[in-house]
């Protein structure tokens, strides 16, 4: 299947929904682009921890997200070796 994309005046392209679904990516995910010698490129999803997963770690189990003060206290205790 060939999909044609348009380059904007700013040099940007928008990947169509079917391309994003094929790659298995969602808004906020990152893509790796390999520039090949013959003028082609290869696009692959960058695998790793998504931002949503990281921010989910900041929530208390079964409760609301931590406040800024609670985050600061947790970070300070971690640096002090208390947790």
PDB file of N, CA and C in Angstrom:
ATOM      1  N   UNK A   1       0.849  -1.171   0.000  1.00  0.00           N
ATOM      2  CA  UNK A   1       0.000   0.000   0.000  1.00  0.00           C
ATOM      3  C   UNK A   1       0.900   1.241   0.000  1.00  0.00           C
ATOM      4  N   UNK A   2       0.619   2.166  -0.847  1.00  0.00           N
ATOM      5  CA  UNK A   2       1.353   3.431  -0.889  1.00  0.00           C
ATOM      6  C   UNK A   2       0.456   4.540  -0.380  1.00  0.00           C
ATOM      7  N   UNK A   3       0.969   5.325   0.540  1.00  0.00           N
ATOM      8  CA  UNK A   3       0.239   6.468   1.097  1.00  0.00           C
ATOM      9  C   UNK A   3       1.050   7.717   0.784  1.00  0.00           C
ATOM     10  N   UNK A   4       0.405   8.718   0.205  1.00  0.00           N
ATOM     11  CA  UNK A   4       1.079   9.966  -0.141  1.00  0.00           C
ATOM     12  C   UNK A   4       0.836  10.988   0.958  1.00  0.00           C
ATOM     13  N   UNK A   5       1.917  11.606   1.435  1.00  0.00           N
ATOM     14  CA  UNK A   5       1.841  12.653   2.457  1.00  0.00           C
ATOM     15  C   UNK A   5       2.318  13.963   1.848  1.00  0.00           C
ATOM     16  N   UNK A   6       1.847  15.083   2.367  1.00  0.00           N
ATOM     17  CA  UNK A   6       2.220  16.398   1.862  1.00  0.00           C
ATOM     18  C   UNK A   6       3.141  17.091   2.854  1.00  0.00           C
ATOM     19  N   UNK A   7       4.200  17.711   2.353  1.00  0.00           N
ATOM     20  CA  UNK A   7       5.125  18.480   3.176  1.00  0.00           C
ATOM     21  C   UNK A   7       4.611  19.918   3.246  1.00  0.00           C
ATOM     22  N   UNK A   8       4.502  20.464   4.465  1.00  0.00           N
ATOM     23  CA  UNK A   8       4.028  21.836   4.639  1.00  0.00           C
ATOM     24  C   UNK A   8       5.150  22.829   4.367  1.00  0.00           C
ATOM     25  N   UNK A   9       4.820  24.105   4.371  1.00  0.00           N
ATOM     26  CA  UNK A   9       5.816  25.167   4.168  1.00  0.00           C
ATOM     27  C   UNK A   9       6.867  25.152   5.278  1.00  0.00           C
ATOM     28  N   UNK A  10       6.512  24.619   6.457  1.00  0.00           N
ATOM     29  CA  UNK A  10       7.457  24.527   7.573  1.00  0.00           C
ATOM     30  C   UNK A  10       8.286  23.249   7.516  1.00  0.00           C
ATOM     31  N   UNK A  11       8.104  22.435   6.469  1.00  0.00           N
ATOM     32  CA  UNK A  11       8.864  21.196   6.341  1.00  0.00           C
ATOM     33  C   UNK A  11       8.319  20.061   7.186  1.00  0.00           C
ATOM     34  N   UNK A  12       7.060  20.142   7.557  1.00  0.00           N
ATOM     35  CA  UNK A  12       6.448  19.123   8.405  1.00  0.00           C
ATOM     36  C   UNK A  12       5.507  18.248   7.593  1.00  0.00           C
ATOM     37  N   UNK A  13       5.308  17.022   8.068  1.00  0.00           N
ATOM     38  CA  UNK A  13       4.305  16.138   7.485  1.00  0.00           C
ATOM     39  C   UNK A  13       3.394  15.656   8.600  1.00  0.00           C
ATOM     40  N   UNK A  14       2.185  15.318   8.234  1.00  0.00           N
ATOM     41  CA  UNK A  14       1.252  14.729   9.183  1.00  0.00           C
ATOM     42  C   UNK A  14       1.043  13.287   8.775  1.00  0.00           C
ATOM     43  N   UNK A  15       1.274  12.370   9.707  1.00  0.00           N
ATOM     44  CA  UNK A  15       1.059  10.963   9.417  1.00  0.00           C
ATOM     45  C   UNK A  15      -0.424  10.650   9.569  1.00  0.00           C
ATOM     46  N   UNK A  16      -0.983  10.017   8.565  1.00  0.00           N
ATOM     47  CA  UNK A  16      -2.399   9.696   8.579  1.00  0.00           C
ATOM     48  C   UNK A  16      -2.697   8.621   9.614  1.00  0.00           C
ATOM     49  N   UNK A  17      -3.966   8.575  10.001  1.00  0.00           N
ATOM     50  CA  UNK A  17      -4.422   7.657  11.042  1.00  0.00           C
ATOM     51  C   UNK A  17      -4.008   6.220  10.754  1.00  0.00           C
ATOM     52  N   UNK A  18      -4.153   5.767   9.516  1.00  0.00           N
ATOM     53  CA  UNK A  18      -3.819   4.373   9.211  1.00  0.00           C
ATOM     54  C   UNK A  18      -2.324   4.104   9.353  1.00  0.00           C
ATOM     55  N   UNK A  19      -1.480   5.117   9.141  1.00  0.00           N
ATOM     56  CA  UNK A  19      -0.034   4.961   9.338  1.00  0.00           C
ATOM     57  C   UNK A  19       0.257   4.808  10.832  1.00  0.00           C
ATOM     58  N   UNK A  20      -0.343   5.664  11.644  1.00  0.00           N
ATOM     59  CA  UNK A  20      -0.143   5.599  13.089  1.00  0.00           C
ATOM     60  C   UNK A  20      -0.637   4.271  13.652  1.00  0.00           C
ATOM     61  N   UNK A  21      -1.775   3.807  13.170  1.00  0.00           N
ATOM     62  CA  UNK A  21      -2.296   2.517  13.634  1.00  0.00           C
ATOM     63  C   UNK A  21      -1.368   1.382  13.215  1.00  0.00           C
ATOM     64  N   UNK A  22      -0.841   1.454  11.994  1.00  0.00           N
ATOM     65  CA  UNK A  22       0.088   0.426  11.516  1.00  0.00           C
ATOM     66  C   UNK A  22       1.337   0.365  12.391  1.00  0.00           C
ATOM     67  N   UNK A  23       1.831   1.534  12.811  1.00  0.00           N
ATOM     68  CA  UNK A  23       3.016   1.607  13.656  1.00  0.00           C
ATOM     69  C   UNK A  23       2.703   1.296  15.112  1.00  0.00           C
ATOM     70  N   UNK A  24       1.415   1.344  15.470  1.00  0.00           N
ATOM     71  CA  UNK A  24       1.017   1.080  16.855  1.00  0.00           C
ATOM     72  C   UNK A  24       1.383   2.217  17.796  1.00  0.00           C
ATOM     73  N   UNK A  25       1.322   3.453  17.293  1.00  0.00           N
ATOM     74  CA  UNK A  25       1.671   4.602  18.125  1.00  0.00           C
ATOM     75  C   UNK A  25       0.446   5.466  18.389  1.00  0.00           C
ATOM     76  N   UNK A  26       0.549   6.245  19.456  1.00  0.00           N
ATOM     77  CA  UNK A  26      -0.521   7.141  19.875  1.00  0.00           C
ATOM     78  C   UNK A  26       0.078   8.507  20.144  1.00  0.00           C
ATOM     79  N   UNK A  27      -0.767   9.536  20.283  1.00  0.00           N
ATOM     80  CA  UNK A  27      -0.238  10.875  20.579  1.00  0.00           C
ATOM     81  C   UNK A  27       0.698  10.851  21.780  1.00  0.00           C
ATOM     82  N   UNK A  28       1.834  11.512  21.647  1.00  0.00           N
ATOM     83  CA  UNK A  28       2.828  11.565  22.711  1.00  0.00           C
ATOM     84  C   UNK A  28       3.930  10.527  22.552  1.00  0.00           C
ATOM     85  N   UNK A  29       3.693   9.477  21.750  1.00  0.00           N
ATOM     86  CA  UNK A  29       4.729   8.473  21.503  1.00  0.00           C
ATOM     87  C   UNK A  29       5.803   9.065  20.598  1.00  0.00           C
ATOM     88  N   UNK A  30       6.971   8.476  20.605  1.00  0.00           N
ATOM     89  CA  UNK A  30       8.078   8.937  19.784  1.00  0.00           C
ATOM     90  C   UNK A  30       8.363   7.938  18.673  1.00  0.00           C
ATOM     91  N   UNK A  31       8.922   8.451  17.565  1.00  0.00           N
ATOM     92  CA  UNK A  31       9.291   7.628  16.426  1.00  0.00           C
ATOM     93  C   UNK A  31      10.778   7.786  16.153  1.00  0.00           C
ATOM     94  N   UNK A  32      11.422   6.705  15.769  1.00  0.00           N
ATOM     95  CA  UNK A  32      12.808   6.762  15.303  1.00  0.00           C
ATOM     96  C   UNK A  32      12.781   6.794  13.784  1.00  0.00           C
ATOM     97  N   UNK A  33      13.573   7.686  13.181  1.00  0.00           N
ATOM     98  CA  UNK A  33      13.668   7.791  11.731  1.00  0.00           C
ATOM     99  C   UNK A  33      15.108   7.500  11.338  1.00  0.00           C
ATOM    100  N   UNK A  34      15.296   6.494  10.498  1.00  0.00           N
ATOM    101  CA  UNK A  34      16.611   6.157   9.959  1.00  0.00           C
ATOM    102  C   UNK A  34      16.673   6.694   8.534  1.00  0.00           C
ATOM    103  N   UNK A  35      17.690   7.515   8.240  1.00  0.00           N
ATOM    104  CA  UNK A  35      17.885   8.026   6.894  1.00  0.00           C
ATOM    105  C   UNK A  35      18.785   7.051   6.146  1.00  0.00           C
ATOM    106  N   UNK A  36      18.267   6.506   5.054  1.00  0.00           N
ATOM    107  CA  UNK A  36      18.986   5.506   4.287  1.00  0.00           C
ATOM    108  C   UNK A  36      19.741   6.164   3.129  1.00  0.00           C
ATOM    109  N   UNK A  37      20.788   5.514   2.650  1.00  0.00           N
ATOM    110  CA  UNK A  37      21.676   6.093   1.641  1.00  0.00           C
ATOM    111  C   UNK A  37      20.981   6.454   0.338  1.00  0.00           C
ATOM    112  N   UNK A  38      19.978   5.730  -0.056  1.00  0.00           N
ATOM    113  CA  UNK A  38      19.353   5.944  -1.362  1.00  0.00           C
ATOM    114  C   UNK A  38      18.213   6.961  -1.344  1.00  0.00           C
ATOM    115  N   UNK A  39      18.176   7.827  -0.332  1.00  0.00           N
ATOM    116  CA  UNK A  39      17.149   8.866  -0.246  1.00  0.00           C
ATOM    117  C   UNK A  39      15.856   8.405   0.399  1.00  0.00           C
ATOM    118  N   UNK A  40      15.837   7.194   0.895  1.00  0.00           N
ATOM    119  CA  UNK A  40      14.656   6.692   1.591  1.00  0.00           C
ATOM    120  C   UNK A  40      14.849   6.856   3.089  1.00  0.00           C
ATOM    121  N   UNK A  41      13.765   6.642   3.817  1.00  0.00           N
ATOM    122  CA  UNK A  41      13.858   6.655   5.270  1.00  0.00           C
ATOM    123  C   UNK A  41      13.041   5.500   5.815  1.00  0.00           C
ATOM    124  N   UNK A  42      13.388   5.114   7.013  1.00  0.00           N
ATOM    125  CA  UNK A  42      12.666   4.045   7.705  1.00  0.00           C
ATOM    126  C   UNK A  42      12.161   4.621   9.017  1.00  0.00           C
ATOM    127  N   UNK A  43      10.871   4.470   9.283  1.00  0.00           N
ATOM    128  CA  UNK A  43      10.255   4.989  10.507  1.00  0.00           C
ATOM    129  C   UNK A  43       9.828   3.814  11.366  1.00  0.00           C
ATOM    130  N   UNK A  44      10.254   3.841  12.638  1.00  0.00           N
ATOM    131  CA  UNK A  44       9.898   2.797  13.598  1.00  0.00           C
ATOM    132  C   UNK A  44       9.481   3.450  14.895  1.00  0.00           C
ATOM    133  N   UNK A  45       8.514   2.874  15.590  1.00  0.00           N
ATOM    134  CA  UNK A  45       8.165   3.412  16.909  1.00  0.00           C
ATOM    135  C   UNK A  45       9.325   3.216  17.871  1.00  0.00           C
ATOM    136  N   UNK A  46       9.576   4.223  18.682  1.00  0.00           N
ATOM    137  CA  UNK A  46      10.600   4.105  19.718  1.00  0.00           C
ATOM    138  C   UNK A  46       9.950   3.432  20.909  1.00  0.00           C
ATOM    139  N   UNK A  47      10.424   2.271  21.236  1.00  0.00           N
ATOM    140  CA  UNK A  47       9.838   1.508  22.341  1.00  0.00           C
ATOM    141  C   UNK A  47      10.454   1.943  23.655  1.00  0.00           C
ATOM    142  N   UNK A  48       9.667   1.960  24.676  1.00  0.00           N
ATOM    143  CA  UNK A  48      10.116   2.356  26.003  1.00  0.00           C
ATOM    144  C   UNK A  48       8.916   2.700  26.847  1.00  0.00           C
ATOM    145  N   UNK A  49       9.162   3.410  27.883  1.00  0.00           N
ATOM    146  CA  UNK A  49       8.098   3.791  28.790  1.00  0.00           C
ATOM    147  C   UNK A  49       7.434   5.060  28.304  1.00  0.00           C
ATOM    148  N   UNK A  50       6.133   5.028  28.148  1.00  0.00           N
ATOM    149  CA  UNK A  50       5.402   6.205  27.694  1.00  0.00           C
ATOM    150  C   UNK A  50       5.225   7.197  28.840  1.00  0.00           C
ATOM    151  N   UNK A  51       4.965   8.441  28.486  1.00  0.00           N
ATOM    152  CA  UNK A  51       4.758   9.479  29.491  1.00  0.00           C
ATOM    153  C   UNK A  51       3.570   9.140  30.382  1.00  0.00           C
ATOM    154  N   UNK A  52       2.534   8.556  29.802  1.00  0.00           N
ATOM    155  CA  UNK A  52       1.353   8.204  30.600  1.00  0.00           C
ATOM    156  C   UNK A  52       1.715   7.185  31.671  1.00  0.00           C
ATOM    157  N   UNK A  53       2.583   6.258  31.341  1.00  0.00           N
ATOM    158  CA  UNK A  53       2.998   5.258  32.321  1.00  0.00           C
ATOM    159  C   UNK A  53       3.794   5.908  33.442  1.00  0.00           C
ATOM    160  N   UNK A  54       4.695   6.806  33.088  1.00  0.00           N
ATOM    161  CA  UNK A  54       5.523   7.480  34.093  1.00  0.00           C
ATOM    162  C   UNK A  54       4.658   8.303  35.029  1.00  0.00           C
ATOM    163  N   UNK A  55       3.723   9.081  34.486  1.00  0.00           N
ATOM    164  CA  UNK A  55       2.874   9.898  35.338  1.00  0.00           C
ATOM    165  C   UNK A  55       1.951   9.034  36.182  1.00  0.00           C
ATOM    166  N   UNK A  56       1.587   7.861  35.684  1.00  0.00           N
ATOM    167  CA  UNK A  56       0.768   6.940  36.457  1.00  0.00           C
ATOM    168  C   UNK A  56       1.494   6.424  37.684  1.00  0.00           C
ATOM    169  N   UNK A  57       2.818   6.386  37.620  1.00  0.00           N
ATOM    170  CA  UNK A  57       3.601   5.932  38.767  1.00  0.00           C
ATOM    171  C   UNK A  57       3.516   6.907  39.940  1.00  0.00           C
ATOM    172  N   UNK A  58       3.146   8.151  39.651  1.00  0.00           N
ATOM    173  CA  UNK A  58       3.099   9.162  40.695  1.00  0.00           C
ATOM    174  C   UNK A  58       1.806   9.107  41.512  1.00  0.00           C
ATOM    175  N   UNK A  59       0.876   8.285  41.089  1.00  0.00           N
ATOM    176  CA  UNK A  59      -0.387   8.179  41.822  1.00  0.00           C
ATOM    177  C   UNK A  59      -0.240   7.182  42.966  1.00  0.00           C
ATOM    178  N   UNK A  60      -0.927   7.482  44.058  1.00  0.00           N
ATOM    179  CA  UNK A  60      -0.966   6.522  45.165  1.00  0.00           C
ATOM    180  C   UNK A  60      -1.844   5.347  44.732  1.00  0.00           C
ATOM    181  N   UNK A  61      -1.487   4.168  45.166  1.00  0.00           N
ATOM    182  CA  UNK A  61      -2.312   3.008  44.823  1.00  0.00           C
ATOM    183  C   UNK A  61      -3.699   3.176  45.426  1.00  0.00           C
ATOM    184  N   UNK A  62      -4.694   3.119  44.559  1.00  0.00           N
ATOM    185  CA  UNK A  62      -6.076   3.218  45.017  1.00  0.00           C
ATOM    186  C   UNK A  62      -6.467   4.607  45.478  1.00  0.00           C
ATOM    187  N   UNK A  63      -5.665   5.608  45.160  1.00  0.00           N
ATOM    188  CA  UNK A  63      -5.989   6.961  45.611  1.00  0.00           C
ATOM    189  C   UNK A  63      -5.740   7.998  44.534  1.00  0.00           C
ATOM    190  N   UNK A  64      -5.750   9.236  44.956  1.00  0.00           N
ATOM    191  CA  UNK A  64      -5.540  10.342  44.027  1.00  0.00           C
ATOM    192  C   UNK A  64      -4.041  10.567  43.810  1.00  0.00           C
ATOM    193  N   UNK A  65      -3.670  11.298  42.758  1.00  0.00           N
ATOM    194  CA  UNK A  65      -2.254  11.586  42.520  1.00  0.00           C
ATOM    195  C   UNK A  65      -1.642  12.353  43.690  1.00  0.00           C
ATOM    196  N   UNK A  66      -0.339  12.244  43.837  1.00  0.00           N
ATOM    197  CA  UNK A  66       0.361  12.949  44.902  1.00  0.00           C
ATOM    198  C   UNK A  66       0.364  14.451  44.657  1.00  0.00           C
ATOM    199  N   UNK A  67       0.315  15.217  45.722  1.00  0.00           N
ATOM    200  CA  UNK A  67       0.424  16.673  45.608  1.00  0.00           C
ATOM    201  C   UNK A  67       1.897  17.031  45.415  1.00  0.00           C
ATOM    202  N   UNK A  68       2.164  18.274  45.075  1.00  0.00           N
ATOM    203  CA  UNK A  68       3.541  18.745  44.917  1.00  0.00           C
ATOM    204  C   UNK A  68       4.317  18.559  46.224  1.00  0.00           C
ATOM    205  N   UNK A  69       3.691  18.880  47.346  1.00  0.00           N
ATOM    206  CA  UNK A  69       4.355  18.715  48.640  1.00  0.00           C
ATOM    207  C   UNK A  69       4.683  17.246  48.914  1.00  0.00           C
ATOM    208  N   UNK A  70       3.738  16.355  48.596  1.00  0.00           N
ATOM    209  CA  UNK A  70       3.982  14.926  48.801  1.00  0.00           C
ATOM    210  C   UNK A  70       5.103  14.423  47.882  1.00  0.00           C
ATOM    211  N   UNK A  71       5.127  14.912  46.644  1.00  0.00           N
ATOM    212  CA  UNK A  71       6.206  14.542  45.728  1.00  0.00           C
ATOM    213  C   UNK A  71       7.556  15.000  46.268  1.00  0.00           C
ATOM    214  N   UNK A  72       7.599  16.243  46.755  1.00  0.00           N
ATOM    215  CA  UNK A  72       8.853  16.783  47.309  1.00  0.00           C
ATOM    216  C   UNK A  72       9.316  15.979  48.526  1.00  0.00           C
ATOM    217  N   UNK A  73       8.366  15.645  49.397  1.00  0.00           N
ATOM    218  CA  UNK A  73       8.709  14.855  50.589  1.00  0.00           C
ATOM    219  C   UNK A  73       9.234  13.470  50.197  1.00  0.00           C
ATOM    220  N   UNK A  74       8.585  12.845  49.234  1.00  0.00           N
ATOM    221  CA  UNK A  74       8.998  11.523  48.777  1.00  0.00           C
ATOM    222  C   UNK A  74      10.390  11.586  48.157  1.00  0.00           C
ATOM    223  N   UNK A  75      10.618  12.609  47.321  1.00  0.00           N
ATOM    224  CA  UNK A  75      11.938  12.765  46.688  1.00  0.00           C
ATOM    225  C   UNK A  75      13.016  13.003  47.733  1.00  0.00           C
ATOM    226  N   UNK A  76      12.741  13.864  48.722  1.00  0.00           N
ATOM    227  CA  UNK A  76      13.722  14.157  49.765  1.00  0.00           C
ATOM    228  C   UNK A  76      14.037  12.897  50.571  1.00  0.00           C
ATOM    229  N   UNK A  77      13.006  12.124  50.898  1.00  0.00           N
ATOM    230  CA  UNK A  77      13.227  10.892  51.658  1.00  0.00           C
ATOM    231  C   UNK A  77      14.051   9.899  50.843  1.00  0.00           C
ATOM    232  N   UNK A  78      13.791   9.838  49.540  1.00  0.00           N
ATOM    233  CA  UNK A  78      14.560   8.946  48.677  1.00  0.00           C
ATOM    234  C   UNK A  78      16.028   9.339  48.617  1.00  0.00           C
ATOM    235  N   UNK A  79      16.300  10.629  48.471  1.00  0.00           N
ATOM    236  CA  UNK A  79      17.681  11.115  48.417  1.00  0.00           C
ATOM    237  C   UNK A  79      18.390  10.869  49.751  1.00  0.00           C
ATOM    238  N   UNK A  80      17.624  10.933  50.834  1.00  0.00           N
ATOM    239  CA  UNK A  80      18.211  10.718  52.156  1.00  0.00           C
ATOM    240  C   UNK A  80      18.364   9.237  52.490  1.00  0.00           C
ATOM    241  N   UNK A  81      17.889   8.380  51.598  1.00  0.00           N
ATOM    242  CA  UNK A  81      17.996   6.938  51.824  1.00  0.00           C
ATOM    243  C   UNK A  81      16.968   6.405  52.794  1.00  0.00           C
ATOM    244  N   UNK A  82      15.908   7.157  53.013  1.00  0.00           N
ATOM    245  CA  UNK A  82      14.883   6.755  53.986  1.00  0.00           C
ATOM    246  C   UNK A  82      13.848   5.822  53.384  1.00  0.00           C
ATOM    247  N   UNK A  83      13.778   5.712  52.046  1.00  0.00           N
ATOM    248  CA  UNK A  83      12.763   4.845  51.410  1.00  0.00           C
ATOM    249  C   UNK A  83      13.387   3.983  50.386  1.00  0.00           C
TER     250      UNK A  83
END
